[in-house]
Amino acid sequence: MGLAVLGVFLPLLPTTPFLLLAAACYARSSERFSNWLLSNRLFGKAIKDYREGKGIPSKLKALSIALLWITIGCSVAFAVHILAVRVIVILIGVGVTVHILFIRTPRRLEPSSL
């Protein structure tokens, strides 16, 4: 769970896989912690939606990709001075972007179909 929280602030540390791993571990080991994680106002809905196969809304995908590239751009421009590391960081960013784009996007219900 700690790695997932760090992933919120560190651009190359993935948040979602650590959240899902924590949810799976808590589900098997501690009902109390599992309930806490699933009812958490920051993480709970994302875990529930992912487990139920609902995916990620388009706005959240766009926000995630924008923040990813802003942090990667700042890292490459100001923090990383070795060309090989810059290339690796950019390739990781491309991989994460592709992964986010391939996650299912839930369909919005049209007002006329309600």
PDB file of N, CA and C in Angstrom:
ATOM      1  N   MET A   1       0.833  -1.176   0.000  1.00  0.00           N
ATOM      2  CA  MET A   1       0.000   0.000   0.000  1.00  0.00           C
ATOM      3  C   MET A   1       0.884   1.248   0.000  1.00  0.00           C
ATOM      4  N   GLY A   2       1.981   1.172   0.715  1.00  0.00           N
ATOM      5  CA  GLY A   2       2.907   2.300   0.762  1.00  0.00           C
ATOM      6  C   GLY A   2       3.471   2.631  -0.607  1.00  0.00           C
ATOM      7  N   LEU A   3       3.796   1.604  -1.396  1.00  0.00           N
ATOM      8  CA  LEU A   3       4.318   1.835  -2.751  1.00  0.00           C
ATOM      9  C   LEU A   3       3.250   2.476  -3.640  1.00  0.00           C
ATOM     10  N   ALA A   4       2.002   2.112  -3.439  1.00  0.00           N
ATOM     11  CA  ALA A   4       0.923   2.716  -4.220  1.00  0.00           C
ATOM     12  C   ALA A   4       0.798   4.200  -3.896  1.00  0.00           C
ATOM     13  N   VAL A   5       0.901   4.550  -2.626  1.00  0.00           N
ATOM     14  CA  VAL A   5       0.822   5.958  -2.231  1.00  0.00           C
ATOM     15  C   VAL A   5       2.013   6.726  -2.801  1.00  0.00           C
ATOM     16  N   LEU A   6       3.202   6.132  -2.746  1.00  0.00           N
ATOM     17  CA  LEU A   6       4.371   6.783  -3.350  1.00  0.00           C
ATOM     18  C   LEU A   6       4.186   6.974  -4.849  1.00  0.00           C
ATOM     19  N   GLY A   7       3.532   6.024  -5.499  1.00  0.00           N
ATOM     20  CA  GLY A   7       3.297   6.100  -6.932  1.00  0.00           C
ATOM     21  C   GLY A   7       2.425   7.275  -7.343  1.00  0.00           C
ATOM     22  N   VAL A   8       1.624   7.785  -6.415  1.00  0.00           N
ATOM     23  CA  VAL A   8       0.822   8.961  -6.705  1.00  0.00           C
ATOM     24  C   VAL A   8       1.733  10.168  -6.940  1.00  0.00           C
ATOM     25  N   PHE A   9       2.863  10.202  -6.236  1.00  0.00           N
ATOM     26  CA  PHE A   9       3.751  11.359  -6.291  1.00  0.00           C
ATOM     27  C   PHE A   9       4.979  11.165  -7.169  1.00  0.00           C
ATOM     28  N   LEU A  10       5.364   9.919  -7.426  1.00  0.00           N
ATOM     29  CA  LEU A  10       6.554   9.644  -8.236  1.00  0.00           C
ATOM     30  C   LEU A  10       6.116   9.159  -9.617  1.00  0.00           C
ATOM     31  N   PRO A  11       6.567   9.822 -10.679  1.00  0.00           N
ATOM     32  CA  PRO A  11       6.027   9.551 -12.015  1.00  0.00           C
ATOM     33  C   PRO A  11       6.296   8.154 -12.563  1.00  0.00           C
ATOM     34  N   LEU A  12       7.397   7.535 -12.223  1.00  0.00           N
ATOM     35  CA  LEU A  12       7.705   6.233 -12.824  1.00  0.00           C
ATOM     36  C   LEU A  12       7.299   5.046 -11.961  1.00  0.00           C
ATOM     37  N   LEU A  13       6.763   5.311 -10.784  1.00  0.00           N
ATOM     38  CA  LEU A  13       6.312   4.232  -9.908  1.00  0.00           C
ATOM     39  C   LEU A  13       4.805   4.065 -10.116  1.00  0.00           C
ATOM     40  N   PRO A  14       4.373   2.922 -10.625  1.00  0.00           N
ATOM     41  CA  PRO A  14       2.945   2.768 -10.944  1.00  0.00           C
ATOM     42  C   PRO A  14       2.087   2.625  -9.690  1.00  0.00           C
ATOM     43  N   THR A  15       0.981   3.321  -9.666  1.00  0.00           N
ATOM     44  CA  THR A  15       0.082   3.285  -8.515  1.00  0.00           C
ATOM     45  C   THR A  15      -0.883   2.107  -8.600  1.00  0.00           C
ATOM     46  N   THR A  16      -1.545   1.966  -9.729  1.00  0.00           N
ATOM     47  CA  THR A  16      -2.623   0.986  -9.859  1.00  0.00           C
ATOM     48  C   THR A  16      -2.195  -0.452  -9.587  1.00  0.00           C
ATOM     49  N   PRO A  17      -1.074  -0.936 -10.155  1.00  0.00           N
ATOM     50  CA  PRO A  17      -0.714  -2.331  -9.862  1.00  0.00           C
ATOM     51  C   PRO A  17      -0.473  -2.587  -8.373  1.00  0.00           C
ATOM     52  N   PHE A  18       0.122  -1.609  -7.690  1.00  0.00           N
ATOM     53  CA  PHE A  18       0.350  -1.784  -6.255  1.00  0.00           C
ATOM     54  C   PHE A  18      -0.952  -1.736  -5.474  1.00  0.00           C
ATOM     55  N   LEU A  19      -1.895  -0.907  -5.915  1.00  0.00           N
ATOM     56  CA  LEU A  19      -3.215  -0.883  -5.274  1.00  0.00           C
ATOM     57  C   LEU A  19      -3.931  -2.217  -5.454  1.00  0.00           C
ATOM     58  N   LEU A  20      -3.883  -2.736  -6.676  1.00  0.00           N
ATOM     59  CA  LEU A  20      -4.554  -4.023  -6.928  1.00  0.00           C
ATOM     60  C   LEU A  20      -3.897  -5.158  -6.158  1.00  0.00           C
ATOM     61  N   LEU A  21      -2.569  -5.125  -6.067  1.00  0.00           N
ATOM     62  CA  LEU A  21      -1.858  -6.137  -5.280  1.00  0.00           C
ATOM     63  C   LEU A  21      -2.231  -6.034  -3.808  1.00  0.00           C
ATOM     64  N   ALA A  22      -2.283  -4.802  -3.293  1.00  0.00           N
ATOM     65  CA  ALA A  22      -2.682  -4.612  -1.895  1.00  0.00           C
ATOM     66  C   ALA A  22      -4.101  -5.112  -1.665  1.00  0.00           C
ATOM     67  N   ALA A  23      -5.000  -4.804  -2.600  1.00  0.00           N
ATOM     68  CA  ALA A  23      -6.389  -5.258  -2.464  1.00  0.00           C
ATOM     69  C   ALA A  23      -6.466  -6.778  -2.450  1.00  0.00           C
ATOM     70  N   ALA A  24      -5.706  -7.426  -3.333  1.00  0.00           N
ATOM     71  CA  ALA A  24      -5.714  -8.897  -3.382  1.00  0.00           C
ATOM     72  C   ALA A  24      -5.138  -9.488  -2.095  1.00  0.00           C
ATOM     73  N   CYS A  25      -4.049  -8.911  -1.624  1.00  0.00           N
ATOM     74  CA  CYS A  25      -3.439  -9.425  -0.382  1.00  0.00           C
ATOM     75  C   CYS A  25      -4.352  -9.203   0.812  1.00  0.00           C
ATOM     76  N   TYR A  26      -4.946  -8.004   0.892  1.00  0.00           N
ATOM     77  CA  TYR A  26      -5.855  -7.725   2.004  1.00  0.00           C
ATOM     78  C   TYR A  26      -7.078  -8.630   1.956  1.00  0.00           C
ATOM     79  N   ALA A  27      -7.582  -8.919   0.757  1.00  0.00           N
ATOM     80  CA  ALA A  27      -8.760  -9.775   0.633  1.00  0.00           C
ATOM     81  C   ALA A  27      -8.489 -11.169   1.178  1.00  0.00           C
ATOM     82  N   ARG A  28      -7.252 -11.631   1.040  1.00  0.00           N
ATOM     83  CA  ARG A  28      -6.909 -12.976   1.518  1.00  0.00           C
ATOM     84  C   ARG A  28      -6.473 -13.001   2.980  1.00  0.00           C
ATOM     85  N   SER A  29      -5.975 -11.863   3.486  1.00  0.00           N
ATOM     86  CA  SER A  29      -5.378 -11.916   4.816  1.00  0.00           C
ATOM     87  C   SER A  29      -6.161 -11.162   5.885  1.00  0.00           C
ATOM     88  N   SER A  30      -6.801 -10.068   5.534  1.00  0.00           N
ATOM     89  CA  SER A  30      -7.452  -9.258   6.555  1.00  0.00           C
ATOM     90  C   SER A  30      -8.724  -8.622   6.006  1.00  0.00           C
ATOM     91  N   GLU A  31      -9.833  -9.082   6.503  1.00  0.00           N
ATOM     92  CA  GLU A  31     -11.112  -8.536   6.066  1.00  0.00           C
ATOM     93  C   GLU A  31     -11.218  -7.061   6.454  1.00  0.00           C
ATOM     94  N   ARG A  32     -10.668  -6.718   7.605  1.00  0.00           N
ATOM     95  CA  ARG A  32     -10.711  -5.329   8.082  1.00  0.00           C
ATOM     96  C   ARG A  32      -9.962  -4.390   7.123  1.00  0.00           C
ATOM     97  N   PHE A  33      -8.735  -4.764   6.755  1.00  0.00           N
ATOM     98  CA  PHE A  33      -7.962  -3.928   5.848  1.00  0.00           C
ATOM     99  C   PHE A  33      -8.563  -3.925   4.443  1.00  0.00           C
ATOM    100  N   SER A  34      -9.106  -5.041   4.031  1.00  0.00           N
ATOM    101  CA  SER A  34      -9.748  -5.114   2.722  1.00  0.00           C
ATOM    102  C   SER A  34     -10.933  -4.158   2.662  1.00  0.00           C
ATOM    103  N   ASN A  35     -11.768  -4.167   3.683  1.00  0.00           N
ATOM    104  CA  ASN A  35     -12.913  -3.254   3.742  1.00  0.00           C
ATOM    105  C   ASN A  35     -12.455  -1.803   3.788  1.00  0.00           C
ATOM    106  N   TRP A  36     -11.380  -1.534   4.536  1.00  0.00           N
ATOM    107  CA  TRP A  36     -10.849  -0.179   4.617  1.00  0.00           C
ATOM    108  C   TRP A  36     -10.398   0.310   3.235  1.00  0.00           C
ATOM    109  N   LEU A  37      -9.687  -0.545   2.521  1.00  0.00           N
ATOM    110  CA  LEU A  37      -9.172  -0.158   1.211  1.00  0.00           C
ATOM    111  C   LEU A  37     -10.308   0.059   0.215  1.00  0.00           C
ATOM    112  N   LEU A  38     -11.285  -0.833   0.215  1.00  0.00           N
ATOM    113  CA  LEU A  38     -12.398  -0.715  -0.733  1.00  0.00           C
ATOM    114  C   LEU A  38     -13.336   0.448  -0.408  1.00  0.00           C
ATOM    115  N   SER A  39     -13.352   0.897   0.842  1.00  0.00           N
ATOM    116  CA  SER A  39     -14.211   2.028   1.205  1.00  0.00           C
ATOM    117  C   SER A  39     -13.424   3.337   1.262  1.00  0.00           C
ATOM    118  N   ASN A  40     -12.126   3.293   0.971  1.00  0.00           N
ATOM    119  CA  ASN A  40     -11.292   4.485   0.973  1.00  0.00           C
ATOM    120  C   ASN A  40     -11.779   5.457  -0.087  1.00  0.00           C
ATOM    121  N   ARG A  41     -11.918   6.728   0.273  1.00  0.00           N
ATOM    122  CA  ARG A  41     -12.484   7.711  -0.664  1.00  0.00           C
ATOM    123  C   ARG A  41     -11.562   8.000  -1.837  1.00  0.00           C
ATOM    124  N   LEU A  42     -10.255   7.776  -1.699  1.00  0.00           N
ATOM    125  CA  LEU A  42      -9.323   8.035  -2.788  1.00  0.00           C
ATOM    126  C   LEU A  42      -9.126   6.833  -3.703  1.00  0.00           C
ATOM    127  N   PHE A  43      -9.051   5.639  -3.128  1.00  0.00           N
ATOM    128  CA  PHE A  43      -8.678   4.452  -3.891  1.00  0.00           C
ATOM    129  C   PHE A  43      -9.820   3.471  -4.110  1.00  0.00           C
ATOM    130  N   GLY A  44     -10.817   3.484  -3.243  1.00  0.00           N
ATOM    131  CA  GLY A  44     -11.848   2.450  -3.256  1.00  0.00           C
ATOM    132  C   GLY A  44     -12.605   2.309  -4.563  1.00  0.00           C
ATOM    133  N   LYS A  45     -13.081   3.431  -5.109  1.00  0.00           N
ATOM    134  CA  LYS A  45     -13.871   3.369  -6.338  1.00  0.00           C
ATOM    135  C   LYS A  45     -13.048   2.828  -7.502  1.00  0.00           C
ATOM    136  N   ALA A  46     -11.780   3.255  -7.597  1.00  0.00           N
ATOM    137  CA  ALA A  46     -10.921   2.784  -8.692  1.00  0.00           C
ATOM    138  C   ALA A  46     -10.727   1.275  -8.623  1.00  0.00           C
ATOM    139  N   ILE A  47     -10.519   0.753  -7.429  1.00  0.00           N
ATOM    140  CA  ILE A  47     -10.315  -0.696  -7.262  1.00  0.00           C
ATOM    141  C   ILE A  47     -11.600  -1.449  -7.585  1.00  0.00           C
ATOM    142  N   LYS A  48     -12.719  -0.963  -7.072  1.00  0.00           N
ATOM    143  CA  LYS A  48     -14.008  -1.622  -7.342  1.00  0.00           C
ATOM    144  C   LYS A  48     -14.313  -1.627  -8.838  1.00  0.00           C
ATOM    145  N   ASP A  49     -14.137  -0.471  -9.487  1.00  0.00           N
ATOM    146  CA  ASP A  49     -14.414  -0.394 -10.927  1.00  0.00           C
ATOM    147  C   ASP A  49     -13.515  -1.330 -11.714  1.00  0.00           C
ATOM    148  N   TYR A  50     -12.241  -1.400 -11.347  1.00  0.00           N
ATOM    149  CA  TYR A  50     -11.314  -2.278 -12.054  1.00  0.00           C
ATOM    150  C   TYR A  50     -11.705  -3.742 -11.849  1.00  0.00           C
ATOM    151  N   ARG A  51     -12.027  -4.110 -10.613  1.00  0.00           N
ATOM    152  CA  ARG A  51     -12.436  -5.496 -10.321  1.00  0.00           C
ATOM    153  C   ARG A  51     -13.692  -5.891 -11.080  1.00  0.00           C
ATOM    154  N   GLU A  52     -14.610  -4.940 -11.236  1.00  0.00           N
ATOM    155  CA  GLU A  52     -15.868  -5.215 -11.920  1.00  0.00           C
ATOM    156  C   GLU A  52     -15.752  -5.079 -13.428  1.00  0.00           C
ATOM    157  N   GLY A  53     -14.571  -4.747 -13.928  1.00  0.00           N
ATOM    158  CA  GLY A  53     -14.352  -4.627 -15.364  1.00  0.00           C
ATOM    159  C   GLY A  53     -14.927  -3.375 -15.983  1.00  0.00           C
ATOM    160  N   LYS A  54     -15.163  -2.353 -15.184  1.00  0.00           N
ATOM    161  CA  LYS A  54     -15.762  -1.117 -15.696  1.00  0.00           C
ATOM    162  C   LYS A  54     -14.745  -0.224 -16.402  1.00  0.00           C
ATOM    163  N   GLY A  55     -13.477  -0.383 -16.098  1.00  0.00           N
ATOM    164  CA  GLY A  55     -12.458   0.405 -16.775  1.00  0.00           C
ATOM    165  C   GLY A  55     -12.212   1.760 -16.157  1.00  0.00           C
ATOM    166  N   ILE A  56     -11.672   2.674 -16.990  1.00  0.00           N
ATOM    167  CA  ILE A  56     -11.309   4.018 -16.551  1.00  0.00           C
ATOM    168  C   ILE A  56     -12.017   5.024 -17.454  1.00  0.00           C
ATOM    169  N   PRO A  57     -12.696   6.023 -16.865  1.00  0.00           N
ATOM    170  CA  PRO A  57     -13.371   7.037 -17.684  1.00  0.00           C
ATOM    171  C   PRO A  57     -12.379   7.816 -18.551  1.00  0.00           C
ATOM    172  N   SER A  58     -12.835   8.313 -19.694  1.00  0.00           N
ATOM    173  CA  SER A  58     -11.967   9.032 -20.632  1.00  0.00           C
ATOM    174  C   SER A  58     -11.297  10.243 -19.997  1.00  0.00           C
ATOM    175  N   LYS A  59     -12.022  10.991 -19.191  1.00  0.00           N
ATOM    176  CA  LYS A  59     -11.436  12.174 -18.552  1.00  0.00           C
ATOM    177  C   LYS A  59     -10.277  11.783 -17.641  1.00  0.00           C
ATOM    178  N   LEU A  60     -10.432  10.694 -16.908  1.00  0.00           N
ATOM    179  CA  LEU A  60      -9.364  10.241 -16.021  1.00  0.00           C
ATOM    180  C   LEU A  60      -8.175   9.737 -16.822  1.00  0.00           C
ATOM    181  N   LYS A  61      -8.444   9.073 -17.950  1.00  0.00           N
ATOM    182  CA  LYS A  61      -7.357   8.637 -18.830  1.00  0.00           C
ATOM    183  C   LYS A  61      -6.572   9.845 -19.337  1.00  0.00           C
ATOM    184  N   ALA A  62      -7.294  10.858 -19.816  1.00  0.00           N
ATOM    185  CA  ALA A  62      -6.643  12.058 -20.349  1.00  0.00           C
ATOM    186  C   ALA A  62      -5.838  12.760 -19.267  1.00  0.00           C
ATOM    187  N   LEU A  63      -6.394  12.884 -18.076  1.00  0.00           N
ATOM    188  CA  LEU A  63      -5.689  13.514 -16.968  1.00  0.00           C
ATOM    189  C   LEU A  63      -4.441  12.722 -16.589  1.00  0.00           C
ATOM    190  N   SER A  64      -4.578  11.408 -16.528  1.00  0.00           N
ATOM    191  CA  SER A  64      -3.443  10.550 -16.180  1.00  0.00           C
ATOM    192  C   SER A  64      -2.309  10.677 -17.191  1.00  0.00           C
ATOM    193  N   ILE A  65      -2.657  10.647 -18.453  1.00  0.00           N
ATOM    194  CA  ILE A  65      -1.636  10.740 -19.500  1.00  0.00           C
ATOM    195  C   ILE A  65      -0.991  12.124 -19.496  1.00  0.00           C
ATOM    196  N   ALA A  66      -1.791  13.169 -19.304  1.00  0.00           N
ATOM    197  CA  ALA A  66      -1.238  14.532 -19.261  1.00  0.00           C
ATOM    198  C   ALA A  66      -0.266  14.686 -18.095  1.00  0.00           C
ATOM    199  N   LEU A  67      -0.668  14.236 -16.907  1.00  0.00           N
ATOM    200  CA  LEU A  67       0.212  14.339 -15.745  1.00  0.00           C
ATOM    201  C   LEU A  67       1.462  13.479 -15.913  1.00  0.00           C
ATOM    202  N   LEU A  68       1.299  12.314 -16.499  1.00  0.00           N
ATOM    203  CA  LEU A  68       2.439  11.436 -16.764  1.00  0.00           C
ATOM    204  C   LEU A  68       3.479  12.157 -17.611  1.00  0.00           C
ATOM    205  N   TRP A  69       3.028  12.763 -18.721  1.00  0.00           N
ATOM    206  CA  TRP A  69       3.970  13.402 -19.634  1.00  0.00           C
ATOM    207  C   TRP A  69       4.523  14.714 -19.107  1.00  0.00           C
ATOM    208  N   ILE A  70       3.763  15.404 -18.276  1.00  0.00           N
ATOM    209  CA  ILE A  70       4.306  16.610 -17.637  1.00  0.00           C
ATOM    210  C   ILE A  70       5.444  16.232 -16.699  1.00  0.00           C
ATOM    211  N   THR A  71       5.232  15.201 -15.882  1.00  0.00           N
ATOM    212  CA  THR A  71       6.280  14.804 -14.940  1.00  0.00           C
ATOM    213  C   THR A  71       7.470  14.176 -15.661  1.00  0.00           C
ATOM    214  N   ILE A  72       7.209  13.391 -16.690  1.00  0.00           N
ATOM    215  CA  ILE A  72       8.316  12.809 -17.450  1.00  0.00           C
ATOM    216  C   ILE A  72       9.094  13.912 -18.162  1.00  0.00           C
ATOM    217  N   GLY A  73       8.387  14.866 -18.744  1.00  0.00           N
ATOM    218  CA  GLY A  73       9.058  15.974 -19.410  1.00  0.00           C
ATOM    219  C   GLY A  73       9.940  16.772 -18.462  1.00  0.00           C
ATOM    220  N   CYS A  74       9.412  17.068 -17.272  1.00  0.00           N
ATOM    221  CA  CYS A  74      10.207  17.787 -16.271  1.00  0.00           C
ATOM    222  C   CYS A  74      11.400  16.954 -15.816  1.00  0.00           C
ATOM    223  N   SER A  75      11.199  15.664 -15.622  1.00  0.00           N
ATOM    224  CA  SER A  75      12.296  14.788 -15.203  1.00  0.00           C
ATOM    225  C   SER A  75      13.399  14.755 -16.252  1.00  0.00           C
ATOM    226  N   VAL A  76      12.999  14.568 -17.501  1.00  0.00           N
ATOM    227  CA  VAL A  76      13.981  14.482 -18.591  1.00  0.00           C
ATOM    228  C   VAL A  76      14.692  15.820 -18.793  1.00  0.00           C
ATOM    229  N   ALA A  77      13.964  16.907 -18.656  1.00  0.00           N
ATOM    230  CA  ALA A  77      14.556  18.224 -18.900  1.00  0.00           C
ATOM    231  C   ALA A  77      15.448  18.706 -17.760  1.00  0.00           C
ATOM    232  N   PHE A  78      15.050  18.418 -16.517  1.00  0.00           N
ATOM    233  CA  PHE A  78      15.745  19.036 -15.389  1.00  0.00           C
ATOM    234  C   PHE A  78      16.482  18.074 -14.463  1.00  0.00           C
ATOM    235  N   ALA A  79      16.070  16.822 -14.388  1.00  0.00           N
ATOM    236  CA  ALA A  79      16.643  15.929 -13.379  1.00  0.00           C
ATOM    237  C   ALA A  79      17.568  14.861 -13.949  1.00  0.00           C
ATOM    238  N   VAL A  80      17.324  14.418 -15.153  1.00  0.00           N
ATOM    239  CA  VAL A  80      18.098  13.317 -15.731  1.00  0.00           C
ATOM    240  C   VAL A  80      19.072  13.892 -16.754  1.00  0.00           C
ATOM    241  N   HIS A  81      20.359  13.594 -16.575  1.00  0.00           N
ATOM    242  CA  HIS A  81      21.375  14.172 -17.454  1.00  0.00           C
ATOM    243  C   HIS A  81      22.076  13.126 -18.322  1.00  0.00           C
ATOM    244  N   ILE A  82      21.748  11.871 -18.128  1.00  0.00           N
ATOM    245  CA  ILE A  82      22.367  10.796 -18.904  1.00  0.00           C
ATOM    246  C   ILE A  82      21.413  10.414 -20.030  1.00  0.00           C
ATOM    247  N   LEU A  83      21.903  10.467 -21.263  1.00  0.00           N
ATOM    248  CA  LEU A  83      21.058  10.224 -22.440  1.00  0.00           C
ATOM    249  C   LEU A  83      20.353   8.870 -22.376  1.00  0.00           C
ATOM    250  N   ALA A  84      21.072   7.820 -22.004  1.00  0.00           N
ATOM    251  CA  ALA A  84      20.474   6.476 -21.955  1.00  0.00           C
ATOM    252  C   ALA A  84      19.320   6.428 -20.957  1.00  0.00           C
ATOM    253  N   VAL A  85      19.472   7.101 -19.827  1.00  0.00           N
ATOM    254  CA  VAL A  85      18.402   7.120 -18.819  1.00  0.00           C
ATOM    255  C   VAL A  85      17.219   7.931 -19.345  1.00  0.00           C
ATOM    256  N   ARG A  86      17.497   9.022 -20.039  1.00  0.00           N
ATOM    257  CA  ARG A  86      16.406   9.804 -20.637  1.00  0.00           C
ATOM    258  C   ARG A  86      15.596   8.955 -21.618  1.00  0.00           C
ATOM    259  N   VAL A  87      16.288   8.204 -22.435  1.00  0.00           N
ATOM    260  CA  VAL A  87      15.610   7.340 -23.410  1.00  0.00           C
ATOM    261  C   VAL A  87      14.771   6.296 -22.691  1.00  0.00           C
ATOM    262  N   ILE A  88      15.313   5.696 -21.648  1.00  0.00           N
ATOM    263  CA  ILE A  88      14.574   4.680 -20.885  1.00  0.00           C
ATOM    264  C   ILE A  88      13.328   5.293 -20.253  1.00  0.00           C
ATOM    265  N   VAL A  89      13.459   6.476 -19.666  1.00  0.00           N
ATOM    266  CA  VAL A  89      12.311   7.147 -19.040  1.00  0.00           C
ATOM    267  C   VAL A  89      11.229   7.426 -20.083  1.00  0.00           C
ATOM    268  N   ILE A  90      11.623   7.903 -21.248  1.00  0.00           N
ATOM    269  CA  ILE A  90      10.654   8.182 -22.310  1.00  0.00           C
ATOM    270  C   ILE A  90       9.990   6.892 -22.787  1.00  0.00           C
ATOM    271  N   LEU A  91      10.752   5.818 -22.936  1.00  0.00           N
ATOM    272  CA  LEU A  91      10.170   4.538 -23.357  1.00  0.00           C
ATOM    273  C   LEU A  91       9.185   4.002 -22.322  1.00  0.00           C
ATOM    274  N   ILE A  92       9.516   4.171 -21.051  1.00  0.00           N
ATOM    275  CA  ILE A  92       8.585   3.760 -19.998  1.00  0.00           C
ATOM    276  C   ILE A  92       7.304   4.589 -20.101  1.00  0.00           C
ATOM    277  N   GLY A  93       7.446   5.878 -20.351  1.00  0.00           N
ATOM    278  CA  GLY A  93       6.279   6.743 -20.527  1.00  0.00           C
ATOM    279  C   GLY A  93       5.410   6.309 -21.691  1.00  0.00           C
ATOM    280  N   VAL A  94       6.038   5.934 -22.784  1.00  0.00           N
ATOM    281  CA  VAL A  94       5.287   5.435 -23.947  1.00  0.00           C
ATOM    282  C   VAL A  94       4.549   4.148 -23.568  1.00  0.00           C
ATOM    283  N   GLY A  95       5.241   3.248 -22.872  1.00  0.00           N
ATOM    284  CA  GLY A  95       4.613   1.989 -22.463  1.00  0.00           C
ATOM    285  C   GLY A  95       3.428   2.210 -21.535  1.00  0.00           C
ATOM    286  N   VAL A  96       3.578   3.108 -20.567  1.00  0.00           N
ATOM    287  CA  VAL A  96       2.480   3.392 -19.644  1.00  0.00           C
ATOM    288  C   VAL A  96       1.317   4.047 -20.386  1.00  0.00           C
ATOM    289  N   THR A  97       1.624   4.941 -21.313  1.00  0.00           N
ATOM    290  CA  THR A  97       0.579   5.590 -22.107  1.00  0.00           C
ATOM    291  C   THR A  97      -0.212   4.562 -22.916  1.00  0.00           C
ATOM    292  N   VAL A  98       0.490   3.659 -23.568  1.00  0.00           N
ATOM    293  CA  VAL A  98      -0.180   2.606 -24.350  1.00  0.00           C
ATOM    294  C   VAL A  98      -1.045   1.744 -23.439  1.00  0.00           C
ATOM    295  N   HIS A  99      -0.511   1.390 -22.281  1.00  0.00           N
ATOM    296  CA  HIS A  99      -1.280   0.577 -21.328  1.00  0.00           C
ATOM    297  C   HIS A  99      -2.562   1.296 -20.917  1.00  0.00           C
ATOM    298  N   ILE A 100      -2.465   2.573 -20.573  1.00  0.00           N
ATOM    299  CA  ILE A 100      -3.647   3.335 -20.157  1.00  0.00           C
ATOM    300  C   ILE A 100      -4.667   3.399 -21.291  1.00  0.00           C
ATOM    301  N   LEU A 101      -4.193   3.609 -22.505  1.00  0.00           N
ATOM    302  CA  LEU A 101      -5.112   3.704 -23.640  1.00  0.00           C
ATOM    303  C   LEU A 101      -5.834   2.392 -23.922  1.00  0.00           C
ATOM    304  N   PHE A 102      -5.217   1.255 -23.599  1.00  0.00           N
ATOM    305  CA  PHE A 102      -5.844  -0.040 -23.856  1.00  0.00           C
ATOM    306  C   PHE A 102      -6.764  -0.506 -22.738  1.00  0.00           C
ATOM    307  N   ILE A 103      -6.788   0.203 -21.622  1.00  0.00           N
ATOM    308  CA  ILE A 103      -7.737  -0.139 -20.558  1.00  0.00           C
ATOM    309  C   ILE A 103      -9.128   0.278 -21.019  1.00  0.00           C
ATOM    310  N   ARG A 104     -10.079  -0.553 -20.749  1.00  0.00           N
ATOM    311  CA  ARG A 104     -11.462  -0.325 -21.189  1.00  0.00           C
ATOM    312  C   ARG A 104     -11.967   1.033 -20.696  1.00  0.00           C
ATOM    313  N   THR A 105     -12.726   1.712 -21.548  1.00  0.00           N
ATOM    314  CA  THR A 105     -13.380   2.972 -21.197  1.00  0.00           C
ATOM    315  C   THR A 105     -14.875   2.713 -21.093  1.00  0.00           C
ATOM    316  N   PRO A 106     -15.480   3.014 -19.952  1.00  0.00           N
ATOM    317  CA  PRO A 106     -16.930   2.752 -19.815  1.00  0.00           C
ATOM    318  C   PRO A 106     -17.730   3.662 -20.729  1.00  0.00           C
ATOM    319  N   ARG A 107     -18.798   3.121 -21.251  1.00  0.00           N
ATOM    320  CA  ARG A 107     -19.696   3.900 -22.098  1.00  0.00           C
ATOM    321  C   ARG A 107     -20.604   4.746 -21.220  1.00  0.00           C
ATOM    322  N   ARG A 108     -20.830   5.961 -21.679  1.00  0.00           N
ATOM    323  CA  ARG A 108     -21.793   6.820 -20.985  1.00  0.00           C
ATOM    324  C   ARG A 108     -23.177   6.497 -21.501  1.00  0.00           C
ATOM    325  N   LEU A 109     -24.138   6.511 -20.598  1.00  0.00           N
ATOM    326  CA  LEU A 109     -25.529   6.285 -20.996  1.00  0.00           C
ATOM    327  C   LEU A 109     -26.084   7.566 -21.608  1.00  0.00           C
ATOM    328  N   GLU A 110     -26.689   7.443 -22.763  1.00  0.00           N
ATOM    329  CA  GLU A 110     -27.317   8.583 -23.421  1.00  0.00           C
ATOM    330  C   GLU A 110     -28.629   8.902 -22.707  1.00  0.00           C
ATOM    331  N   PRO A 111     -28.956  10.191 -22.555  1.00  0.00           N
ATOM    332  CA  PRO A 111     -30.200  10.552 -21.858  1.00  0.00           C
ATOM    333  C   PRO A 111     -31.450   9.927 -22.501  1.00  0.00           C
ATOM    334  N   SER A 112     -31.432   9.733 -23.809  1.00  0.00           N
ATOM    335  CA  SER A 112     -32.615   9.184 -24.482  1.00  0.00           C
ATOM    336  C   SER A 112     -32.792   7.680 -24.198  1.00  0.00           C
ATOM    337  N   SER A 113     -31.718   7.013 -23.769  1.00  0.00           N
ATOM    338  CA  SER A 113     -31.826   5.569 -23.533  1.00  0.00           C
ATOM    339  C   SER A 113     -32.187   5.226 -22.096  1.00  0.00           C
ATOM    340  N   LEU A 114     -32.352   6.241 -21.254  1.00  0.00           N
ATOM    341  CA  LEU A 114     -32.692   5.972 -19.844  1.00  0.00           C
ATOM    342  C   LEU A 114     -34.129   5.671 -19.650  1.00  0.00           C
TER     343      LEU A 114
END
